[in-house]
Amino acid sequence: MAVIERAKEILHNLEAGEFSTSGDPRLGKGKGQPGRQADPQLPLFQADDELRNRLTEIDVGVTTPIEALNLLDQLKRLV
């Protein structure tokens, strides 16, 4: 619901023709929720160290198809 309220605030500011000193549309500061800190954004690709190490050790040039399937199964279990 907060997203809809924020969108309404931005729309109101745009319709009212509120612009910053540089001429850009003013989107408003948002009300936020007092006493609540913003959640830190998590990285999109956060791989486990063990998984990353295992992936870097794989030599795909000499891996047979059956070994690749077995490795994939092992790596999948790590996730």
PDB file of N, CA and C in Angstrom:
ATOM      1  N   MET A   1       0.818  -1.192   0.000  1.00  0.00           N
ATOM      2  CA  MET A   1       0.000   0.000   0.000  1.00  0.00           C
ATOM      3  C   MET A   1       0.860   1.252   0.000  1.00  0.00           C
ATOM      4  N   ALA A   2       2.057   1.156   0.595  1.00  0.00           N
ATOM      5  CA  ALA A   2       2.934   2.320   0.647  1.00  0.00           C
ATOM      6  C   ALA A   2       3.378   2.724  -0.753  1.00  0.00           C
ATOM      7  N   VAL A   3       3.501   1.758  -1.645  1.00  0.00           N
ATOM      8  CA  VAL A   3       3.923   2.056  -3.012  1.00  0.00           C
ATOM      9  C   VAL A   3       2.866   2.898  -3.709  1.00  0.00           C
ATOM     10  N   ILE A   4       1.619   2.565  -3.500  1.00  0.00           N
ATOM     11  CA  ILE A   4       0.532   3.318  -4.135  1.00  0.00           C
ATOM     12  C   ILE A   4       0.488   4.741  -3.598  1.00  0.00           C
ATOM     13  N   GLU A   5       0.646   4.896  -2.285  1.00  0.00           N
ATOM     14  CA  GLU A   5       0.645   6.231  -1.690  1.00  0.00           C
ATOM     15  C   GLU A   5       1.806   7.065  -2.235  1.00  0.00           C
ATOM     16  N   ARG A   6       2.974   6.450  -2.355  1.00  0.00           N
ATOM     17  CA  ARG A   6       4.149   7.155  -2.888  1.00  0.00           C
ATOM     18  C   ARG A   6       3.912   7.547  -4.345  1.00  0.00           C
ATOM     19  N   ALA A   7       3.315   6.663  -5.124  1.00  0.00           N
ATOM     20  CA  ALA A   7       3.022   6.972  -6.526  1.00  0.00           C
ATOM     21  C   ALA A   7       2.035   8.133  -6.633  1.00  0.00           C
ATOM     22  N   LYS A   8       1.054   8.152  -5.745  1.00  0.00           N
ATOM     23  CA  LYS A   8       0.090   9.266  -5.748  1.00  0.00           C
ATOM     24  C   LYS A   8       0.786  10.585  -5.417  1.00  0.00           C
ATOM     25  N   GLU A   9       1.719  10.563  -4.465  1.00  0.00           N
ATOM     26  CA  GLU A   9       2.456  11.765  -4.092  1.00  0.00           C
ATOM     27  C   GLU A   9       3.281  12.278  -5.272  1.00  0.00           C
ATOM     28  N   ILE A  10       3.962  11.372  -5.952  1.00  0.00           N
ATOM     29  CA  ILE A  10       4.777  11.771  -7.105  1.00  0.00           C
ATOM     30  C   ILE A  10       3.889  12.311  -8.216  1.00  0.00           C
ATOM     31  N   LEU A  11       2.772  11.634  -8.483  1.00  0.00           N
ATOM     32  CA  LEU A  11       1.845  12.100  -9.509  1.00  0.00           C
ATOM     33  C   LEU A  11       1.310  13.487  -9.184  1.00  0.00           C
ATOM     34  N   HIS A  12       0.961  13.714  -7.926  1.00  0.00           N
ATOM     35  CA  HIS A  12       0.464  15.037  -7.512  1.00  0.00           C
ATOM     36  C   HIS A  12       1.516  16.118  -7.773  1.00  0.00           C
ATOM     37  N   ASN A  13       2.762  15.837  -7.412  1.00  0.00           N
ATOM     38  CA  ASN A  13       3.829  16.816  -7.633  1.00  0.00           C
ATOM     39  C   ASN A  13       4.045  17.083  -9.117  1.00  0.00           C
ATOM     40  N   LEU A  14       3.953  16.056  -9.934  1.00  0.00           N
ATOM     41  CA  LEU A  14       4.131  16.248 -11.376  1.00  0.00           C
ATOM     42  C   LEU A  14       2.973  17.039 -11.978  1.00  0.00           C
ATOM     43  N   GLU A  15       1.755  16.722 -11.546  1.00  0.00           N
ATOM     44  CA  GLU A  15       0.594  17.433 -12.060  1.00  0.00           C
ATOM     45  C   GLU A  15       0.581  18.885 -11.605  1.00  0.00           C
ATOM     46  N   ALA A  16       1.116  19.156 -10.420  1.00  0.00           N
ATOM     47  CA  ALA A  16       1.150  20.522  -9.905  1.00  0.00           C
ATOM     48  C   ALA A  16       2.264  21.332 -10.558  1.00  0.00           C
ATOM     49  N   GLY A  17       3.111  20.686 -11.345  1.00  0.00           N
ATOM     50  CA  GLY A  17       4.180  21.401 -12.036  1.00  0.00           C
ATOM     51  C   GLY A  17       5.300  21.813 -11.107  1.00  0.00           C
ATOM     52  N   GLU A  18       5.524  21.056 -10.058  1.00  0.00           N
ATOM     53  CA  GLU A  18       6.605  21.376  -9.132  1.00  0.00           C
ATOM     54  C   GLU A  18       7.919  20.891  -9.726  1.00  0.00           C
ATOM     55  N   PHE A  19       8.852  21.834  -9.887  1.00  0.00           N
ATOM     56  CA  PHE A  19      10.151  21.504 -10.471  1.00  0.00           C
ATOM     57  C   PHE A  19      11.266  21.996  -9.564  1.00  0.00           C
ATOM     58  N   SER A  20      12.393  21.306  -9.619  1.00  0.00           N
ATOM     59  CA  SER A  20      13.552  21.730  -8.830  1.00  0.00           C
ATOM     60  C   SER A  20      14.213  22.914  -9.528  1.00  0.00           C
ATOM     61  N   THR A  21      15.246  23.455  -8.896  1.00  0.00           N
ATOM     62  CA  THR A  21      15.929  24.608  -9.472  1.00  0.00           C
ATOM     63  C   THR A  21      16.605  24.277 -10.797  1.00  0.00           C
ATOM     64  N   SER A  22      16.938  23.011 -11.015  1.00  0.00           N
ATOM     65  CA  SER A  22      17.572  22.618 -12.282  1.00  0.00           C
ATOM     66  C   SER A  22      16.542  22.310 -13.360  1.00  0.00           C
ATOM     67  N   GLY A  23      15.253  22.386 -13.033  1.00  0.00           N
ATOM     68  CA  GLY A  23      14.209  22.156 -14.013  1.00  0.00           C
ATOM     69  C   GLY A  23      13.705  20.729 -14.060  1.00  0.00           C
ATOM     70  N   ASP A  24      14.259  19.877 -13.230  1.00  0.00           N
ATOM     71  CA  ASP A  24      13.808  18.485 -13.180  1.00  0.00           C
ATOM     72  C   ASP A  24      12.520  18.404 -12.364  1.00  0.00           C
ATOM     73  N   PRO A  25      11.637  17.456 -12.684  1.00  0.00           N
ATOM     74  CA  PRO A  25      10.425  17.307 -11.878  1.00  0.00           C
ATOM     75  C   PRO A  25      10.768  16.937 -10.442  1.00  0.00           C
ATOM     76  N   ARG A  26      10.092  17.554  -9.493  1.00  0.00           N
ATOM     77  CA  ARG A  26      10.304  17.259  -8.085  1.00  0.00           C
ATOM     78  C   ARG A  26       9.434  16.062  -7.720  1.00  0.00           C
ATOM     79  N   LEU A  27      10.080  15.017  -7.260  1.00  0.00           N
ATOM     80  CA  LEU A  27       9.352  13.787  -6.963  1.00  0.00           C
ATOM     81  C   LEU A  27       8.899  13.708  -5.524  1.00  0.00           C
ATOM     82  N   GLY A  28       9.284  14.639  -4.702  1.00  0.00           N
ATOM     83  CA  GLY A  28       8.901  14.613  -3.299  1.00  0.00           C
ATOM     84  C   GLY A  28       9.860  13.775  -2.494  1.00  0.00           C
ATOM     85  N   LYS A  29       9.881  14.009  -1.221  1.00  0.00           N
ATOM     86  CA  LYS A  29      10.806  13.318  -0.341  1.00  0.00           C
ATOM     87  C   LYS A  29      10.226  12.038   0.220  1.00  0.00           C
ATOM     88  N   GLY A  30       8.932  11.909   0.194  1.00  0.00           N
ATOM     89  CA  GLY A  30       8.308  10.722   0.775  1.00  0.00           C
ATOM     90  C   GLY A  30       8.170  10.883   2.277  1.00  0.00           C
ATOM     91  N   LYS A  31       7.135  10.303   2.814  1.00  0.00           N
ATOM     92  CA  LYS A  31       6.880  10.447   4.250  1.00  0.00           C
ATOM     93  C   LYS A  31       7.644   9.429   5.062  1.00  0.00           C
ATOM     94  N   GLY A  32       7.788   8.234   4.535  1.00  0.00           N
ATOM     95  CA  GLY A  32       8.495   7.185   5.275  1.00  0.00           C
ATOM     96  C   GLY A  32       7.734   6.804   6.529  1.00  0.00           C
ATOM     97  N   GLN A  33       8.305   5.957   7.317  1.00  0.00           N
ATOM     98  CA  GLN A  33       7.696   5.548   8.572  1.00  0.00           C
ATOM     99  C   GLN A  33       8.671   5.902   9.681  1.00  0.00           C
ATOM    100  N   PRO A  34       8.254   6.732  10.627  1.00  0.00           N
ATOM    101  CA  PRO A  34       9.169   7.127  11.694  1.00  0.00           C
ATOM    102  C   PRO A  34       9.617   5.933  12.529  1.00  0.00           C
ATOM    103  N   GLY A  35      10.881   5.945  12.898  1.00  0.00           N
ATOM    104  CA  GLY A  35      11.411   4.884  13.735  1.00  0.00           C
ATOM    105  C   GLY A  35      11.785   3.628  12.971  1.00  0.00           C
ATOM    106  N   ARG A  36      11.573   3.632  11.688  1.00  0.00           N
ATOM    107  CA  ARG A  36      11.904   2.449  10.887  1.00  0.00           C
ATOM    108  C   ARG A  36      13.054   2.797   9.964  1.00  0.00           C
ATOM    109  N   GLN A  37      14.098   2.004  10.024  1.00  0.00           N
ATOM    110  CA  GLN A  37      15.227   2.223   9.145  1.00  0.00           C
ATOM    111  C   GLN A  37      15.002   1.450   7.861  1.00  0.00           C
ATOM    112  N   ALA A  38      15.554   1.981   6.781  1.00  0.00           N
ATOM    113  CA  ALA A  38      15.429   1.304   5.497  1.00  0.00           C
ATOM    114  C   ALA A  38      16.206  -0.009   5.533  1.00  0.00           C
ATOM    115  N   ASP A  39      15.638  -1.017   4.933  1.00  0.00           N
ATOM    116  CA  ASP A  39      16.317  -2.299   4.859  1.00  0.00           C
ATOM    117  C   ASP A  39      17.488  -2.176   3.889  1.00  0.00           C
ATOM    118  N   PRO A  40      18.644  -2.695   4.267  1.00  0.00           N
ATOM    119  CA  PRO A  40      19.768  -2.622   3.340  1.00  0.00           C
ATOM    120  C   PRO A  40      19.496  -3.502   2.129  1.00  0.00           C
ATOM    121  N   GLN A  41      19.918  -3.027   0.973  1.00  0.00           N
ATOM    122  CA  GLN A  41      19.696  -3.803  -0.238  1.00  0.00           C
ATOM    123  C   GLN A  41      20.708  -4.931  -0.311  1.00  0.00           C
ATOM    124  N   LEU A  42      20.229  -6.126  -0.522  1.00  0.00           N
ATOM    125  CA  LEU A  42      21.103  -7.282  -0.622  1.00  0.00           C
ATOM    126  C   LEU A  42      21.648  -7.376  -2.044  1.00  0.00           C
ATOM    127  N   PRO A  43      22.844  -7.894  -2.188  1.00  0.00           N
ATOM    128  CA  PRO A  43      23.387  -8.049  -3.532  1.00  0.00           C
ATOM    129  C   PRO A  43      22.556  -9.038  -4.336  1.00  0.00           C
ATOM    130  N   LEU A  44      22.463  -8.779  -5.617  1.00  0.00           N
ATOM    131  CA  LEU A  44      21.664  -9.635  -6.473  1.00  0.00           C
ATOM    132  C   LEU A  44      22.277 -11.019  -6.611  1.00  0.00           C
ATOM    133  N   PHE A  45      23.592 -11.066  -6.766  1.00  0.00           N
ATOM    134  CA  PHE A  45      24.285 -12.337  -6.935  1.00  0.00           C
ATOM    135  C   PHE A  45      25.204 -12.550  -5.748  1.00  0.00           C
ATOM    136  N   GLN A  46      24.677 -13.114  -4.695  1.00  0.00           N
ATOM    137  CA  GLN A  46      25.463 -13.372  -3.502  1.00  0.00           C
ATOM    138  C   GLN A  46      25.683 -14.879  -3.412  1.00  0.00           C
ATOM    139  N   ALA A  47      26.831 -15.310  -3.907  1.00  0.00           N
ATOM    140  CA  ALA A  47      27.126 -16.738  -3.930  1.00  0.00           C
ATOM    141  C   ALA A  47      27.860 -17.139  -2.664  1.00  0.00           C
ATOM    142  N   ASP A  48      27.594 -18.341  -2.232  1.00  0.00           N
ATOM    143  CA  ASP A  48      28.266 -18.892  -1.076  1.00  0.00           C
ATOM    144  C   ASP A  48      29.734 -19.109  -1.431  1.00  0.00           C
ATOM    145  N   ASP A  49      30.630 -18.910  -0.474  1.00  0.00           N
ATOM    146  CA  ASP A  49      32.061 -19.063  -0.739  1.00  0.00           C
ATOM    147  C   ASP A  49      32.398 -20.475  -1.191  1.00  0.00           C
ATOM    148  N   GLU A  50      31.775 -21.465  -0.567  1.00  0.00           N
ATOM    149  CA  GLU A  50      32.067 -22.836  -0.948  1.00  0.00           C
ATOM    150  C   GLU A  50      31.635 -23.099  -2.387  1.00  0.00           C
ATOM    151  N   LEU A  51      30.468 -22.590  -2.752  1.00  0.00           N
ATOM    152  CA  LEU A  51      29.981 -22.755  -4.117  1.00  0.00           C
ATOM    153  C   LEU A  51      30.909 -22.058  -5.108  1.00  0.00           C
ATOM    154  N   ARG A  52      31.307 -20.847  -4.784  1.00  0.00           N
ATOM    155  CA  ARG A  52      32.211 -20.093  -5.657  1.00  0.00           C
ATOM    156  C   ARG A  52      33.538 -20.829  -5.821  1.00  0.00           C
ATOM    157  N   ASN A  53      34.088 -21.355  -4.743  1.00  0.00           N
ATOM    158  CA  ASN A  53      35.356 -22.093  -4.814  1.00  0.00           C
ATOM    159  C   ASN A  53      35.218 -23.333  -5.677  1.00  0.00           C
ATOM    160  N   ARG A  54      34.133 -24.057  -5.478  1.00  0.00           N
ATOM    161  CA  ARG A  54      33.927 -25.274  -6.276  1.00  0.00           C
ATOM    162  C   ARG A  54      33.808 -24.952  -7.756  1.00  0.00           C
ATOM    163  N   LEU A  55      33.121 -23.865  -8.080  1.00  0.00           N
ATOM    164  CA  LEU A  55      32.963 -23.484  -9.484  1.00  0.00           C
ATOM    165  C   LEU A  55      34.294 -23.105 -10.126  1.00  0.00           C
ATOM    166  N   THR A  56      35.141 -22.419  -9.384  1.00  0.00           N
ATOM    167  CA  THR A  56      36.426 -22.008  -9.959  1.00  0.00           C
ATOM    168  C   THR A  56      37.368 -23.196 -10.137  1.00  0.00           C
ATOM    169  N   GLU A  57      37.147 -24.283  -9.398  1.00  0.00           N
ATOM    170  CA  GLU A  57      38.004 -25.464  -9.513  1.00  0.00           C
ATOM    171  C   GLU A  57      37.639 -26.351 -10.697  1.00  0.00           C
ATOM    172  N   ILE A  58      36.480 -26.158 -11.291  1.00  0.00           N
ATOM    173  CA  ILE A  58      36.027 -27.026 -12.373  1.00  0.00           C
ATOM    174  C   ILE A  58      36.770 -26.688 -13.660  1.00  0.00           C
ATOM    175  N   ASP A  59      37.333 -27.707 -14.286  1.00  0.00           N
ATOM    176  CA  ASP A  59      37.986 -27.558 -15.582  1.00  0.00           C
ATOM    177  C   ASP A  59      37.029 -28.104 -16.635  1.00  0.00           C
ATOM    178  N   VAL A  60      36.264 -27.212 -17.253  1.00  0.00           N
ATOM    179  CA  VAL A  60      35.217 -27.651 -18.174  1.00  0.00           C
ATOM    180  C   VAL A  60      35.782 -28.266 -19.450  1.00  0.00           C
ATOM    181  N   GLY A  61      37.049 -28.015 -19.741  1.00  0.00           N
ATOM    182  CA  GLY A  61      37.648 -28.566 -20.939  1.00  0.00           C
ATOM    183  C   GLY A  61      37.867 -30.068 -20.873  1.00  0.00           C
ATOM    184  N   VAL A  62      37.995 -30.601 -19.676  1.00  0.00           N
ATOM    185  CA  VAL A  62      38.254 -32.036 -19.538  1.00  0.00           C
ATOM    186  C   VAL A  62      37.125 -32.764 -18.821  1.00  0.00           C
ATOM    187  N   THR A  63      36.044 -32.082 -18.514  1.00  0.00           N
ATOM    188  CA  THR A  63      34.921 -32.687 -17.800  1.00  0.00           C
ATOM    189  C   THR A  63      34.042 -33.446 -18.786  1.00  0.00           C
ATOM    190  N   THR A  64      33.762 -34.700 -18.474  1.00  0.00           N
ATOM    191  CA  THR A  64      32.876 -35.500 -19.324  1.00  0.00           C
ATOM    192  C   THR A  64      31.427 -35.128 -19.012  1.00  0.00           C
ATOM    193  N   PRO A  65      30.522 -35.458 -19.922  1.00  0.00           N
ATOM    194  CA  PRO A  65      29.109 -35.126 -19.676  1.00  0.00           C
ATOM    195  C   PRO A  65      28.568 -35.716 -18.369  1.00  0.00           C
ATOM    196  N   ILE A  66      28.934 -36.949 -18.056  1.00  0.00           N
ATOM    197  CA  ILE A  66      28.426 -37.556 -16.816  1.00  0.00           C
ATOM    198  C   ILE A  66      29.041 -36.875 -15.595  1.00  0.00           C
ATOM    199  N   GLU A  67      30.309 -36.492 -15.675  1.00  0.00           N
ATOM    200  CA  GLU A  67      30.943 -35.754 -14.571  1.00  0.00           C
ATOM    201  C   GLU A  67      30.275 -34.394 -14.397  1.00  0.00           C
ATOM    202  N   ALA A  68      29.926 -33.771 -15.504  1.00  0.00           N
ATOM    203  CA  ALA A  68      29.253 -32.460 -15.439  1.00  0.00           C
ATOM    204  C   ALA A  68      27.904 -32.587 -14.746  1.00  0.00           C
ATOM    205  N   LEU A  69      27.168 -33.640 -15.076  1.00  0.00           N
ATOM    206  CA  LEU A  69      25.868 -33.853 -14.420  1.00  0.00           C
ATOM    207  C   LEU A  69      26.038 -34.118 -12.934  1.00  0.00           C
ATOM    208  N   ASN A  70      27.044 -34.902 -12.578  1.00  0.00           N
ATOM    209  CA  ASN A  70      27.296 -35.183 -11.158  1.00  0.00           C
ATOM    210  C   ASN A  70      27.729 -33.912 -10.429  1.00  0.00           C
ATOM    211  N   LEU A  71      28.589 -33.108 -11.058  1.00  0.00           N
ATOM    212  CA  LEU A  71      29.004 -31.838 -10.447  1.00  0.00           C
ATOM    213  C   LEU A  71      27.815 -30.906 -10.262  1.00  0.00           C
ATOM    214  N   LEU A  72      26.971 -30.847 -11.275  1.00  0.00           N
ATOM    215  CA  LEU A  72      25.788 -29.991 -11.187  1.00  0.00           C
ATOM    216  C   LEU A  72      24.895 -30.426 -10.034  1.00  0.00           C
ATOM    217  N   ASP A  73      24.739 -31.721  -9.860  1.00  0.00           N
ATOM    218  CA  ASP A  73      23.930 -32.235  -8.761  1.00  0.00           C
ATOM    219  C   ASP A  73      24.556 -31.858  -7.404  1.00  0.00           C
ATOM    220  N   GLN A  74      25.866 -31.988  -7.295  1.00  0.00           N
ATOM    221  CA  GLN A  74      26.551 -31.630  -6.043  1.00  0.00           C
ATOM    222  C   GLN A  74      26.428 -30.131  -5.753  1.00  0.00           C
ATOM    223  N   LEU A  75      26.610 -29.315  -6.794  1.00  0.00           N
ATOM    224  CA  LEU A  75      26.518 -27.860  -6.612  1.00  0.00           C
ATOM    225  C   LEU A  75      25.098 -27.425  -6.258  1.00  0.00           C
ATOM    226  N   LYS A  76      24.138 -28.099  -6.836  1.00  0.00           N
ATOM    227  CA  LYS A  76      22.739 -27.778  -6.545  1.00  0.00           C
ATOM    228  C   LYS A  76      22.416 -28.022  -5.081  1.00  0.00           C
ATOM    229  N   ARG A  77      23.023 -29.039  -4.512  1.00  0.00           N
ATOM    230  CA  ARG A  77      22.790 -29.346  -3.092  1.00  0.00           C
ATOM    231  C   ARG A  77      23.384 -28.284  -2.177  1.00  0.00           C
ATOM    232  N   LEU A  78      24.383 -27.551  -2.660  1.00  0.00           N
ATOM    233  CA  LEU A  78      25.001 -26.499  -1.853  1.00  0.00           C
ATOM    234  C   LEU A  78      24.108 -25.270  -1.730  1.00  0.00           C
ATOM    235  N   VAL A  79      23.226 -25.111  -2.682  1.00  0.00           N
ATOM    236  CA  VAL A  79      22.383 -23.910  -2.708  1.00  0.00           C
ATOM    237  C   VAL A  79      21.196 -24.053  -1.809  1.00  0.00           C
TER     238      VAL A  79
END
